[in-house]
Amino acid sequence: MHILAFILMLVVGSIVAASNGDFSGLIGIGKIVGGIIFVFALMWLLLHPVLLVIAIFILIMFVEVCLRNK
């Protein structure tokens, strides 16, 4: 219960600080949530090899398009 209360206080405190112009708390929360989402997406892709191949192909095409525009 204390952990949930700490997380809630951290989120509320970050929102209050962001309203005063300090976005470092929200950036930290975003990095943590983004990392968790990345790990779950990677695990999901590794369970479905066909989707992993498609994701790698899309990534290669994205990099190729980005390099051509420079």
PDB file of N, CA and C in Angstrom:
ATOM      1  N   MET A   1       0.817  -1.191   0.000  1.00  0.00           N
ATOM      2  CA  MET A   1       0.000   0.000   0.000  1.00  0.00           C
ATOM      3  C   MET A   1       0.862   1.257   0.000  1.00  0.00           C
ATOM      4  N   HIS A   2       1.994   1.200   0.698  1.00  0.00           N
ATOM      5  CA  HIS A   2       2.877   2.356   0.744  1.00  0.00           C
ATOM      6  C   HIS A   2       3.504   2.641  -0.619  1.00  0.00           C
ATOM      7  N   ILE A   3       3.782   1.581  -1.360  1.00  0.00           N
ATOM      8  CA  ILE A   3       4.369   1.771  -2.691  1.00  0.00           C
ATOM      9  C   ILE A   3       3.366   2.471  -3.606  1.00  0.00           C
ATOM     10  N   LEU A   4       2.108   2.054  -3.565  1.00  0.00           N
ATOM     11  CA  LEU A   4       1.084   2.699  -4.390  1.00  0.00           C
ATOM     12  C   LEU A   4       0.887   4.157  -3.992  1.00  0.00           C
ATOM     13  N   ALA A   5       0.935   4.422  -2.675  1.00  0.00           N
ATOM     14  CA  ALA A   5       0.805   5.805  -2.223  1.00  0.00           C
ATOM     15  C   ALA A   5       1.987   6.640  -2.706  1.00  0.00           C
ATOM     16  N   PHE A   6       3.195   6.075  -2.681  1.00  0.00           N
ATOM     17  CA  PHE A   6       4.372   6.792  -3.169  1.00  0.00           C
ATOM     18  C   PHE A   6       4.260   7.089  -4.662  1.00  0.00           C
ATOM     19  N   ILE A   7       3.806   6.109  -5.434  1.00  0.00           N
ATOM     20  CA  ILE A   7       3.658   6.319  -6.879  1.00  0.00           C
ATOM     21  C   ILE A   7       2.622   7.400  -7.154  1.00  0.00           C
ATOM     22  N   LEU A   8       1.513   7.365  -6.429  1.00  0.00           N
ATOM     23  CA  LEU A   8       0.473   8.384  -6.602  1.00  0.00           C
ATOM     24  C   LEU A   8       1.001   9.764  -6.231  1.00  0.00           C
ATOM     25  N   MET A   9       1.749   9.864  -5.124  1.00  0.00           N
ATOM     26  CA  MET A   9       2.331  11.152  -4.725  1.00  0.00           C
ATOM     27  C   MET A   9       3.344  11.642  -5.754  1.00  0.00           C
ATOM     28  N   LEU A  10       4.107  10.712  -6.343  1.00  0.00           N
ATOM     29  CA  LEU A  10       5.080  11.089  -7.361  1.00  0.00           C
ATOM     30  C   LEU A  10       4.395  11.644  -8.604  1.00  0.00           C
ATOM     31  N   VAL A  11       3.328  10.995  -9.032  1.00  0.00           N
ATOM     32  CA  VAL A  11       2.600  11.457 -10.220  1.00  0.00           C
ATOM     33  C   VAL A  11       1.948  12.809  -9.958  1.00  0.00           C
ATOM     34  N   VAL A  12       1.281  12.944  -8.823  1.00  0.00           N
ATOM     35  CA  VAL A  12       0.629  14.217  -8.503  1.00  0.00           C
ATOM     36  C   VAL A  12       1.664  15.320  -8.335  1.00  0.00           C
ATOM     37  N   GLY A  13       2.760  15.017  -7.645  1.00  0.00           N
ATOM     38  CA  GLY A  13       3.825  16.012  -7.476  1.00  0.00           C
ATOM     39  C   GLY A  13       4.446  16.427  -8.802  1.00  0.00           C
ATOM     40  N   SER A  14       4.597  15.492  -9.715  1.00  0.00           N
ATOM     41  CA  SER A  14       5.149  15.814 -11.032  1.00  0.00           C
ATOM     42  C   SER A  14       4.206  16.705 -11.826  1.00  0.00           C
ATOM     43  N   ILE A  15       2.923  16.445 -11.727  1.00  0.00           N
ATOM     44  CA  ILE A  15       1.936  17.275 -12.438  1.00  0.00           C
ATOM     45  C   ILE A  15       1.918  18.683 -11.853  1.00  0.00           C
ATOM     46  N   VAL A  16       1.979  18.772 -10.525  1.00  0.00           N
ATOM     47  CA  VAL A  16       1.994  20.095  -9.885  1.00  0.00           C
ATOM     48  C   VAL A  16       3.257  20.855 -10.281  1.00  0.00           C
ATOM     49  N   ALA A  17       4.410  20.175 -10.289  1.00  0.00           N
ATOM     50  CA  ALA A  17       5.654  20.833 -10.674  1.00  0.00           C
ATOM     51  C   ALA A  17       5.625  21.243 -12.146  1.00  0.00           C
ATOM     52  N   ALA A  18       4.979  20.421 -12.995  1.00  0.00           N
ATOM     53  CA  ALA A  18       4.888  20.757 -14.414  1.00  0.00           C
ATOM     54  C   ALA A  18       4.027  21.993 -14.629  1.00  0.00           C
ATOM     55  N   SER A  19       3.055  22.207 -13.761  1.00  0.00           N
ATOM     56  CA  SER A  19       2.239  23.408 -13.906  1.00  0.00           C
ATOM     57  C   SER A  19       3.031  24.664 -13.552  1.00  0.00           C
ATOM     58  N   ASN A  20       4.138  24.493 -12.822  1.00  0.00           N
ATOM     59  CA  ASN A  20       5.016  25.630 -12.507  1.00  0.00           C
ATOM     60  C   ASN A  20       6.201  25.739 -13.454  1.00  0.00           C
ATOM     61  N   GLY A  21       6.273  24.881 -14.453  1.00  0.00           N
ATOM     62  CA  GLY A  21       7.320  24.981 -15.470  1.00  0.00           C
ATOM     63  C   GLY A  21       8.440  23.956 -15.341  1.00  0.00           C
ATOM     64  N   ASP A  22       8.405  23.062 -14.360  1.00  0.00           N
ATOM     65  CA  ASP A  22       9.449  22.051 -14.188  1.00  0.00           C
ATOM     66  C   ASP A  22       8.926  20.708 -14.698  1.00  0.00           C
ATOM     67  N   PHE A  23       9.397  20.303 -15.872  1.00  0.00           N
ATOM     68  CA  PHE A  23       8.893  19.096 -16.512  1.00  0.00           C
ATOM     69  C   PHE A  23       9.786  17.885 -16.275  1.00  0.00           C
ATOM     70  N   SER A  24      10.769  17.970 -15.386  1.00  0.00           N
ATOM     71  CA  SER A  24      11.703  16.860 -15.188  1.00  0.00           C
ATOM     72  C   SER A  24      11.014  15.631 -14.601  1.00  0.00           C
ATOM     73  N   GLY A  25      10.035  15.826 -13.726  1.00  0.00           N
ATOM     74  CA  GLY A  25       9.318  14.688 -13.163  1.00  0.00           C
ATOM     75  C   GLY A  25       8.512  13.942 -14.209  1.00  0.00           C
ATOM     76  N   LEU A  26       7.831  14.691 -15.067  1.00  0.00           N
ATOM     77  CA  LEU A  26       7.054  14.050 -16.131  1.00  0.00           C
ATOM     78  C   LEU A  26       7.960  13.351 -17.135  1.00  0.00           C
ATOM     79  N   ILE A  27       9.131  13.927 -17.384  1.00  0.00           N
ATOM     80  CA  ILE A  27      10.078  13.286 -18.294  1.00  0.00           C
ATOM     81  C   ILE A  27      10.554  11.966 -17.706  1.00  0.00           C
ATOM     82  N   GLY A  28      10.850  11.960 -16.408  1.00  0.00           N
ATOM     83  CA  GLY A  28      11.265  10.727 -15.745  1.00  0.00           C
ATOM     84  C   GLY A  28      10.187   9.660 -15.767  1.00  0.00           C
ATOM     85  N   ILE A  29       8.945  10.064 -15.482  1.00  0.00           N
ATOM     86  CA  ILE A  29       7.827   9.115 -15.527  1.00  0.00           C
ATOM     87  C   ILE A  29       7.643   8.592 -16.948  1.00  0.00           C
ATOM     88  N   GLY A  30       7.774   9.469 -17.934  1.00  0.00           N
ATOM     89  CA  GLY A  30       7.647   9.044 -19.329  1.00  0.00           C
ATOM     90  C   GLY A  30       8.720   8.052 -19.733  1.00  0.00           C
ATOM     91  N   LYS A  31       9.947   8.253 -19.247  1.00  0.00           N
ATOM     92  CA  LYS A  31      11.023   7.307 -19.568  1.00  0.00           C
ATOM     93  C   LYS A  31      10.768   5.942 -18.942  1.00  0.00           C
ATOM     94  N   ILE A  32      10.276   5.941 -17.713  1.00  0.00           N
ATOM     95  CA  ILE A  32       9.992   4.663 -17.048  1.00  0.00           C
ATOM     96  C   ILE A  32       8.853   3.931 -17.746  1.00  0.00           C
ATOM     97  N   VAL A  33       7.766   4.640 -18.015  1.00  0.00           N
ATOM     98  CA  VAL A  33       6.618   4.020 -18.686  1.00  0.00           C
ATOM     99  C   VAL A  33       7.001   3.598 -20.105  1.00  0.00           C
ATOM    100  N   GLY A  34       7.762   4.432 -20.800  1.00  0.00           N
ATOM    101  CA  GLY A  34       8.212   4.080 -22.151  1.00  0.00           C
ATOM    102  C   GLY A  34       9.107   2.855 -22.150  1.00  0.00           C
ATOM    103  N   GLY A  35       9.971   2.743 -21.151  1.00  0.00           N
ATOM    104  CA  GLY A  35      10.836   1.568 -21.047  1.00  0.00           C
ATOM    105  C   GLY A  35      10.044   0.300 -20.797  1.00  0.00           C
ATOM    106  N   ILE A  36       9.030   0.396 -19.933  1.00  0.00           N
ATOM    107  CA  ILE A  36       8.193  -0.774 -19.664  1.00  0.00           C
ATOM    108  C   ILE A  36       7.421  -1.181 -20.915  1.00  0.00           C
ATOM    109  N   ILE A  37       6.886  -0.194 -21.632  1.00  0.00           N
ATOM    110  CA  ILE A  37       6.158  -0.494 -22.873  1.00  0.00           C
ATOM    111  C   ILE A  37       7.095  -1.108 -23.898  1.00  0.00           C
ATOM    112  N   PHE A  38       8.337  -0.592 -23.986  1.00  0.00           N
ATOM    113  CA  PHE A  38       9.315  -1.143 -24.930  1.00  0.00           C
ATOM    114  C   PHE A  38       9.632  -2.595 -24.602  1.00  0.00           C
ATOM    115  N   VAL A  39       9.817  -2.899 -23.322  1.00  0.00           N
ATOM    116  CA  VAL A  39      10.131  -4.279 -22.922  1.00  0.00           C
ATOM    117  C   VAL A  39       8.969  -5.212 -23.268  1.00  0.00           C
ATOM    118  N   PHE A  40       7.728  -4.801 -22.963  1.00  0.00           N
ATOM    119  CA  PHE A  40       6.585  -5.644 -23.290  1.00  0.00           C
ATOM    120  C   PHE A  40       6.417  -5.807 -24.802  1.00  0.00           C
ATOM    121  N   ALA A  41       6.660  -4.749 -25.562  1.00  0.00           N
ATOM    122  CA  ALA A  41       6.565  -4.853 -27.030  1.00  0.00           C
ATOM    123  C   ALA A  41       7.638  -5.785 -27.574  1.00  0.00           C
ATOM    124  N   LEU A  42       8.834  -5.703 -27.016  1.00  0.00           N
ATOM    125  CA  LEU A  42       9.914  -6.583 -27.459  1.00  0.00           C
ATOM    126  C   LEU A  42       9.601  -8.036 -27.117  1.00  0.00           C
ATOM    127  N   MET A  43       9.070  -8.279 -25.926  1.00  0.00           N
ATOM    128  CA  MET A  43       8.700  -9.650 -25.560  1.00  0.00           C
ATOM    129  C   MET A  43       7.595 -10.172 -26.478  1.00  0.00           C
ATOM    130  N   TRP A  44       6.630  -9.295 -26.812  1.00  0.00           N
ATOM    131  CA  TRP A  44       5.543  -9.713 -27.691  1.00  0.00           C
ATOM    132  C   TRP A  44       6.068 -10.046 -29.087  1.00  0.00           C
ATOM    133  N   LEU A  45       7.002  -9.226 -29.587  1.00  0.00           N
ATOM    134  CA  LEU A  45       7.571  -9.487 -30.905  1.00  0.00           C
ATOM    135  C   LEU A  45       8.385 -10.769 -30.913  1.00  0.00           C
ATOM    136  N   LEU A  46       9.087 -11.059 -29.822  1.00  0.00           N
ATOM    137  CA  LEU A  46       9.895 -12.279 -29.779  1.00  0.00           C
ATOM    138  C   LEU A  46       9.025 -13.532 -29.688  1.00  0.00           C
ATOM    139  N   LEU A  47       7.799 -13.397 -29.217  1.00  0.00           N
ATOM    140  CA  LEU A  47       6.889 -14.534 -29.193  1.00  0.00           C
ATOM    141  C   LEU A  47       6.247 -14.784 -30.554  1.00  0.00           C
ATOM    142  N   HIS A  48       6.296 -13.796 -31.443  1.00  0.00           N
ATOM    143  CA  HIS A  48       5.717 -13.911 -32.774  1.00  0.00           C
ATOM    144  C   HIS A  48       6.821 -13.600 -33.799  1.00  0.00           C
ATOM    145  N   PRO A  49       7.584 -14.597 -34.221  1.00  0.00           N
ATOM    146  CA  PRO A  49       8.742 -14.347 -35.094  1.00  0.00           C
ATOM    147  C   PRO A  49       8.386 -13.674 -36.419  1.00  0.00           C
ATOM    148  N   VAL A  50       7.209 -13.955 -36.959  1.00  0.00           N
ATOM    149  CA  VAL A  50       6.828 -13.326 -38.227  1.00  0.00           C
ATOM    150  C   VAL A  50       6.692 -11.820 -38.036  1.00  0.00           C
ATOM    151  N   LEU A  51       6.099 -11.405 -36.920  1.00  0.00           N
ATOM    152  CA  LEU A  51       5.973  -9.977 -36.650  1.00  0.00           C
ATOM    153  C   LEU A  51       7.342  -9.333 -36.424  1.00  0.00           C
ATOM    154  N   LEU A  52       8.270 -10.092 -35.832  1.00  0.00           N
ATOM    155  CA  LEU A  52       9.626  -9.576 -35.640  1.00  0.00           C
ATOM    156  C   LEU A  52      10.300  -9.320 -36.980  1.00  0.00           C
ATOM    157  N   VAL A  53      10.132 -10.231 -37.918  1.00  0.00           N
ATOM    158  CA  VAL A  53      10.711 -10.041 -39.261  1.00  0.00           C
ATOM    159  C   VAL A  53      10.083  -8.824 -39.928  1.00  0.00           C
ATOM    160  N   ILE A  54       8.775  -8.668 -39.812  1.00  0.00           N
ATOM    161  CA  ILE A  54       8.098  -7.514 -40.401  1.00  0.00           C
ATOM    162  C   ILE A  54       8.576  -6.224 -39.745  1.00  0.00           C
ATOM    163  N   ALA A  55       8.734  -6.225 -38.414  1.00  0.00           N
ATOM    164  CA  ALA A  55       9.201  -5.033 -37.707  1.00  0.00           C
ATOM    165  C   ALA A  55      10.623  -4.669 -38.120  1.00  0.00           C
ATOM    166  N   ILE A  56      11.486  -5.658 -38.289  1.00  0.00           N
ATOM    167  CA  ILE A  56      12.858  -5.386 -38.739  1.00  0.00           C
ATOM    168  C   ILE A  56      12.846  -4.816 -40.149  1.00  0.00           C
ATOM    169  N   PHE A  57      12.008  -5.359 -41.028  1.00  0.00           N
ATOM    170  CA  PHE A  57      11.905  -4.850 -42.397  1.00  0.00           C
ATOM    171  C   PHE A  57      11.427  -3.396 -42.398  1.00  0.00           C
ATOM    172  N   ILE A  58      10.420  -3.081 -41.588  1.00  0.00           N
ATOM    173  CA  ILE A  58       9.912  -1.710 -41.511  1.00  0.00           C
ATOM    174  C   ILE A  58      10.997  -0.776 -40.965  1.00  0.00           C
ATOM    175  N   LEU A  59      11.742  -1.232 -39.965  1.00  0.00           N
ATOM    176  CA  LEU A  59      12.820  -0.423 -39.408  1.00  0.00           C
ATOM    177  C   LEU A  59      13.903  -0.151 -40.447  1.00  0.00           C
ATOM    178  N   ILE A  60      14.272  -1.148 -41.230  1.00  0.00           N
ATOM    179  CA  ILE A  60      15.281  -0.965 -42.277  1.00  0.00           C
ATOM    180  C   ILE A  60      14.770   0.020 -43.326  1.00  0.00           C
ATOM    181  N   MET A  61      13.520  -0.095 -43.722  1.00  0.00           N
ATOM    182  CA  MET A  61      12.962   0.831 -44.710  1.00  0.00           C
ATOM    183  C   MET A  61      12.917   2.256 -44.155  1.00  0.00           C
ATOM    184  N   PHE A  62      12.581   2.407 -42.871  1.00  0.00           N
ATOM    185  CA  PHE A  62      12.536   3.728 -42.238  1.00  0.00           C
ATOM    186  C   PHE A  62      13.924   4.361 -42.221  1.00  0.00           C
ATOM    187  N   VAL A  63      14.937   3.591 -41.865  1.00  0.00           N
ATOM    188  CA  VAL A  63      16.302   4.114 -41.839  1.00  0.00           C
ATOM    189  C   VAL A  63      16.752   4.489 -43.242  1.00  0.00           C
ATOM    190  N   GLU A  64      16.412   3.668 -44.229  1.00  0.00           N
ATOM    191  CA  GLU A  64      16.798   3.962 -45.612  1.00  0.00           C
ATOM    192  C   GLU A  64      16.149   5.256 -46.102  1.00  0.00           C
ATOM    193  N   VAL A  65      14.880   5.462 -45.811  1.00  0.00           N
ATOM    194  CA  VAL A  65      14.193   6.681 -46.213  1.00  0.00           C
ATOM    195  C   VAL A  65      14.791   7.896 -45.511  1.00  0.00           C
ATOM    196  N   CYS A  66      15.110   7.749 -44.232  1.00  0.00           N
ATOM    197  CA  CYS A  66      15.708   8.872 -43.483  1.00  0.00           C
ATOM    198  C   CYS A  66      17.079   9.228 -44.037  1.00  0.00           C
ATOM    199  N   LEU A  67      17.852   8.236 -44.432  1.00  0.00           N
ATOM    200  CA  LEU A  67      19.194   8.518 -44.965  1.00  0.00           C
ATOM    201  C   LEU A  67      19.134   9.119 -46.361  1.00  0.00           C
ATOM    202  N   ARG A  68      18.125   8.776 -47.139  1.00  0.00           N
ATOM    203  CA  ARG A  68      17.987   9.352 -48.471  1.00  0.00           C
ATOM    204  C   ARG A  68      17.606  10.831 -48.426  1.00  0.00           C
ATOM    205  N   ASN A  69      16.869  11.239 -47.394  1.00  0.00           N
ATOM    206  CA  ASN A  69      16.419  12.623 -47.296  1.00  0.00           C
ATOM    207  C   ASN A  69      17.532  13.573 -46.863  1.00  0.00           C
ATOM    208  N   LYS A  70      18.639  13.072 -46.391  1.00  0.00           N
ATOM    209  CA  LYS A  70      19.741  13.946 -45.961  1.00  0.00           C
ATOM    210  C   LYS A  70      20.624  14.257 -47.087  1.00  0.00           C
TER     211      LYS A  70
END
